[in-house]
Amino acid sequence: MSVTRLKRKNRKDRAKAARRRTSLKVQNFKPVAKAVDIEKIKEEFKAKK
């Protein structure tokens, strides 16, 4: 009986670790910075005024 319990505990621990790993990956994710033309954006703001 104890064997099945250990298997279950092992599965649970692995699942918990997998959830933690994925959450840390999501927290550390940085979106890819695309080439942004800052001067063009400044001109657009001036045009709106």
PDB file of N, CA and C in Angstrom:
ATOM      1  N   MET A   1       0.825  -1.197   0.000  1.00  0.00           N
ATOM      2  CA  MET A   1       0.000   0.000   0.000  1.00  0.00           C
ATOM      3  C   MET A   1       0.863   1.253   0.000  1.00  0.00           C
ATOM      4  N   SER A   2       1.965   1.183   0.706  1.00  0.00           N
ATOM      5  CA  SER A   2       2.811   2.383   0.762  1.00  0.00           C
ATOM      6  C   SER A   2       3.435   2.697  -0.593  1.00  0.00           C
ATOM      7  N   VAL A   3       3.610   1.693  -1.444  1.00  0.00           N
ATOM      8  CA  VAL A   3       4.225   1.908  -2.755  1.00  0.00           C
ATOM      9  C   VAL A   3       3.352   2.821  -3.605  1.00  0.00           C
ATOM     10  N   THR A   4       2.029   2.562  -3.632  1.00  0.00           N
ATOM     11  CA  THR A   4       1.142   3.391  -4.444  1.00  0.00           C
ATOM     12  C   THR A   4       1.146   4.829  -3.936  1.00  0.00           C
ATOM     13  N   ARG A   5       1.234   4.978  -2.642  1.00  0.00           N
ATOM     14  CA  ARG A   5       1.243   6.321  -2.078  1.00  0.00           C
ATOM     15  C   ARG A   5       2.507   7.056  -2.505  1.00  0.00           C
ATOM     16  N   LEU A   6       3.637   6.366  -2.513  1.00  0.00           N
ATOM     17  CA  LEU A   6       4.879   7.011  -2.917  1.00  0.00           C
ATOM     18  C   LEU A   6       4.835   7.412  -4.389  1.00  0.00           C
ATOM     19  N   LYS A   7       4.227   6.564  -5.218  1.00  0.00           N
ATOM     20  CA  LYS A   7       4.102   6.907  -6.636  1.00  0.00           C
ATOM     21  C   LYS A   7       3.260   8.161  -6.796  1.00  0.00           C
ATOM     22  N   ARG A   8       2.181   8.226  -6.043  1.00  0.00           N
ATOM     23  CA  ARG A   8       1.283   9.377  -6.134  1.00  0.00           C
ATOM     24  C   ARG A   8       2.001  10.640  -5.677  1.00  0.00           C
ATOM     25  N   LYS A   9       2.744  10.511  -4.579  1.00  0.00           N
ATOM     26  CA  LYS A   9       3.482  11.661  -4.049  1.00  0.00           C
ATOM     27  C   LYS A   9       4.527  12.134  -5.062  1.00  0.00           C
ATOM     28  N   ASN A  10       5.182  11.163  -5.708  1.00  0.00           N
ATOM     29  CA  ASN A  10       6.185  11.504  -6.714  1.00  0.00           C
ATOM     30  C   ASN A  10       5.550  12.279  -7.872  1.00  0.00           C
ATOM     31  N   ARG A  11       4.396  11.793  -8.341  1.00  0.00           N
ATOM     32  CA  ARG A  11       3.695  12.485  -9.425  1.00  0.00           C
ATOM     33  C   ARG A  11       3.309  13.896  -9.013  1.00  0.00           C
ATOM     34  N   LYS A  12       2.821  14.020  -7.769  1.00  0.00           N
ATOM     35  CA  LYS A  12       2.377  15.316  -7.267  1.00  0.00           C
ATOM     36  C   LYS A  12       3.551  16.288  -7.173  1.00  0.00           C
ATOM     37  N   ASP A  13       4.683  15.788  -6.658  1.00  0.00           N
ATOM     38  CA  ASP A  13       5.862  16.639  -6.533  1.00  0.00           C
ATOM     39  C   ASP A  13       6.371  17.078  -7.902  1.00  0.00           C
ATOM     40  N   ARG A  14       6.371  16.163  -8.867  1.00  0.00           N
ATOM     41  CA  ARG A  14       6.826  16.518 -10.214  1.00  0.00           C
ATOM     42  C   ARG A  14       5.904  17.556 -10.835  1.00  0.00           C
ATOM     43  N   ALA A  15       4.602  17.393 -10.619  1.00  0.00           N
ATOM     44  CA  ALA A  15       3.644  18.341 -11.182  1.00  0.00           C
ATOM     45  C   ALA A  15       3.835  19.721 -10.558  1.00  0.00           C
ATOM     46  N   LYS A  16       4.074  19.730  -9.247  1.00  0.00           N
ATOM     47  CA  LYS A  16       4.285  21.002  -8.555  1.00  0.00           C
ATOM     48  C   LYS A  16       5.533  21.700  -9.087  1.00  0.00           C
ATOM     49  N   ALA A  17       6.601  20.923  -9.295  1.00  0.00           N
ATOM     50  CA  ALA A  17       7.844  21.486  -9.816  1.00  0.00           C
ATOM     51  C   ALA A  17       7.643  22.005 -11.237  1.00  0.00           C
ATOM     52  N   ALA A  18       6.879  21.281 -12.040  1.00  0.00           N
ATOM     53  CA  ALA A  18       6.626  21.709 -13.425  1.00  0.00           C
ATOM     54  C   ALA A  18       5.842  23.018 -13.440  1.00  0.00           C
ATOM     55  N   ARG A  19       4.838  23.119 -12.558  1.00  0.00           N
ATOM     56  CA  ARG A  19       4.065  24.369 -12.477  1.00  0.00           C
ATOM     57  C   ARG A  19       4.959  25.527 -12.076  1.00  0.00           C
ATOM     58  N   ARG A  20       5.845  25.282 -11.105  1.00  0.00           N
ATOM     59  CA  ARG A  20       6.759  26.333 -10.636  1.00  0.00           C
ATOM     60  C   ARG A  20       7.702  26.757 -11.758  1.00  0.00           C
ATOM     61  N   ARG A  21       8.260  25.774 -12.484  1.00  0.00           N
ATOM     62  CA  ARG A  21       9.164  26.089 -13.595  1.00  0.00           C
ATOM     63  C   ARG A  21       8.482  26.941 -14.644  1.00  0.00           C
ATOM     64  N   THR A  22       7.259  26.546 -15.026  1.00  0.00           N
ATOM     65  CA  THR A  22       6.566  27.300 -16.069  1.00  0.00           C
ATOM     66  C   THR A  22       6.214  28.697 -15.586  1.00  0.00           C
ATOM     67  N   SER A  23       5.829  28.847 -14.320  1.00  0.00           N
ATOM     68  CA  SER A  23       5.478  30.176 -13.816  1.00  0.00           C
ATOM     69  C   SER A  23       6.714  31.074 -13.793  1.00  0.00           C
ATOM     70  N   LEU A  24       7.872  30.505 -13.435  1.00  0.00           N
ATOM     71  CA  LEU A  24       9.098  31.302 -13.437  1.00  0.00           C
ATOM     72  C   LEU A  24       9.480  31.696 -14.863  1.00  0.00           C
ATOM     73  N   LYS A  25       9.277  30.796 -15.814  1.00  0.00           N
ATOM     74  CA  LYS A  25       9.567  31.126 -17.204  1.00  0.00           C
ATOM     75  C   LYS A  25       8.690  32.277 -17.667  1.00  0.00           C
ATOM     76  N   VAL A  26       7.408  32.241 -17.285  1.00  0.00           N
ATOM     77  CA  VAL A  26       6.484  33.304 -17.685  1.00  0.00           C
ATOM     78  C   VAL A  26       6.901  34.626 -17.047  1.00  0.00           C
ATOM     79  N   GLN A  27       7.320  34.598 -15.785  1.00  0.00           N
ATOM     80  CA  GLN A  27       7.721  35.827 -15.104  1.00  0.00           C
ATOM     81  C   GLN A  27       8.968  36.441 -15.725  1.00  0.00           C
ATOM     82  N   ASN A  28       9.883  35.598 -16.187  1.00  0.00           N
ATOM     83  CA  ASN A  28      11.137  36.094 -16.742  1.00  0.00           C
ATOM     84  C   ASN A  28      11.046  36.426 -18.221  1.00  0.00           C
ATOM     85  N   PHE A  29       9.896  36.163 -18.837  1.00  0.00           N
ATOM     86  CA  PHE A  29       9.772  36.362 -20.277  1.00  0.00           C
ATOM     87  C   PHE A  29       9.815  37.848 -20.601  1.00  0.00           C
ATOM     88  N   LYS A  30      10.652  38.205 -21.565  1.00  0.00           N
ATOM     89  CA  LYS A  30      10.689  39.575 -22.069  1.00  0.00           C
ATOM     90  C   LYS A  30      10.243  39.550 -23.517  1.00  0.00           C
ATOM     91  N   PRO A  31       9.303  40.416 -23.888  1.00  0.00           N
ATOM     92  CA  PRO A  31       8.895  40.442 -25.286  1.00  0.00           C
ATOM     93  C   PRO A  31      10.048  40.908 -26.167  1.00  0.00           C
ATOM     94  N   VAL A  32      10.044  40.465 -27.407  1.00  0.00           N
ATOM     95  CA  VAL A  32      11.111  40.823 -28.329  1.00  0.00           C
ATOM     96  C   VAL A  32      10.959  42.292 -28.695  1.00  0.00           C
ATOM     97  N   ALA A  33      12.034  43.059 -28.486  1.00  0.00           N
ATOM     98  CA  ALA A  33      12.009  44.486 -28.794  1.00  0.00           C
ATOM     99  C   ALA A  33      12.209  44.666 -30.290  1.00  0.00           C
ATOM    100  N   LYS A  34      11.201  45.206 -30.942  1.00  0.00           N
ATOM    101  CA  LYS A  34      11.294  45.430 -32.378  1.00  0.00           C
ATOM    102  C   LYS A  34      11.925  46.797 -32.614  1.00  0.00           C
ATOM    103  N   ALA A  35      12.414  47.017 -33.812  1.00  0.00           N
ATOM    104  CA  ALA A  35      13.031  48.297 -34.153  1.00  0.00           C
ATOM    105  C   ALA A  35      11.950  49.373 -34.166  1.00  0.00           C
ATOM    106  N   VAL A  36      12.072  50.346 -33.251  1.00  0.00           N
ATOM    107  CA  VAL A  36      11.080  51.411 -33.126  1.00  0.00           C
ATOM    108  C   VAL A  36      11.745  52.726 -33.494  1.00  0.00           C
ATOM    109  N   ASP A  37      11.077  53.483 -34.354  1.00  0.00           N
ATOM    110  CA  ASP A  37      11.602  54.783 -34.763  1.00  0.00           C
ATOM    111  C   ASP A  37      11.082  55.837 -33.791  1.00  0.00           C
ATOM    112  N   ILE A  38      11.916  56.267 -32.860  1.00  0.00           N
ATOM    113  CA  ILE A  38      11.506  57.192 -31.802  1.00  0.00           C
ATOM    114  C   ILE A  38      11.174  58.562 -32.381  1.00  0.00           C
ATOM    115  N   GLU A  39      11.970  59.006 -33.320  1.00  0.00           N
ATOM    116  CA  GLU A  39      11.740  60.328 -33.911  1.00  0.00           C
ATOM    117  C   GLU A  39      10.372  60.397 -34.599  1.00  0.00           C
ATOM    118  N   LYS A  40       9.999  59.331 -35.264  1.00  0.00           N
ATOM    119  CA  LYS A  40       8.702  59.292 -35.951  1.00  0.00           C
ATOM    120  C   LYS A  40       7.567  59.404 -34.933  1.00  0.00           C
ATOM    121  N   ILE A  41       7.703  58.720 -33.809  1.00  0.00           N
ATOM    122  CA  ILE A  41       6.669  58.765 -32.765  1.00  0.00           C
ATOM    123  C   ILE A  41       6.565  60.172 -32.194  1.00  0.00           C
ATOM    124  N   LYS A  42       7.715  60.821 -31.964  1.00  0.00           N
ATOM    125  CA  LYS A  42       7.702  62.198 -31.451  1.00  0.00           C
ATOM    126  C   LYS A  42       6.986  63.130 -32.420  1.00  0.00           C
ATOM    127  N   GLU A  43       7.228  62.955 -33.727  1.00  0.00           N
ATOM    128  CA  GLU A  43       6.560  63.792 -34.723  1.00  0.00           C
ATOM    129  C   GLU A  43       5.054  63.575 -34.707  1.00  0.00           C
ATOM    130  N   GLU A  44       4.630  62.319 -34.508  1.00  0.00           N
ATOM    131  CA  GLU A  44       3.192  62.038 -34.450  1.00  0.00           C
ATOM    132  C   GLU A  44       2.547  62.743 -33.270  1.00  0.00           C
ATOM    133  N   PHE A  45       3.217  62.780 -32.110  1.00  0.00           N
ATOM    134  CA  PHE A  45       2.668  63.463 -30.952  1.00  0.00           C
ATOM    135  C   PHE A  45       2.581  64.956 -31.205  1.00  0.00           C
ATOM    136  N   LYS A  46       3.588  65.527 -31.866  1.00  0.00           N
ATOM    137  CA  LYS A  46       3.564  66.961 -32.177  1.00  0.00           C
ATOM    138  C   LYS A  46       2.422  67.262 -33.152  1.00  0.00           C
ATOM    139  N   ALA A  47       2.173  66.369 -34.078  1.00  0.00           N
ATOM    140  CA  ALA A  47       1.107  66.581 -35.063  1.00  0.00           C
ATOM    141  C   ALA A  47      -0.262  66.538 -34.386  1.00  0.00           C
ATOM    142  N   LYS A  48      -0.428  65.734 -33.340  1.00  0.00           N
ATOM    143  CA  LYS A  48      -1.707  65.659 -32.649  1.00  0.00           C
ATOM    144  C   LYS A  48      -2.033  66.951 -31.920  1.00  0.00           C
ATOM    145  N   LYS A  49      -1.004  67.643 -31.420  1.00  0.00           N
ATOM    146  CA  LYS A  49      -1.232  68.909 -30.704  1.00  0.00           C
ATOM    147  C   LYS A  49      -1.586  69.987 -31.672  1.00  0.00           C
TER     148      LYS A  49
END
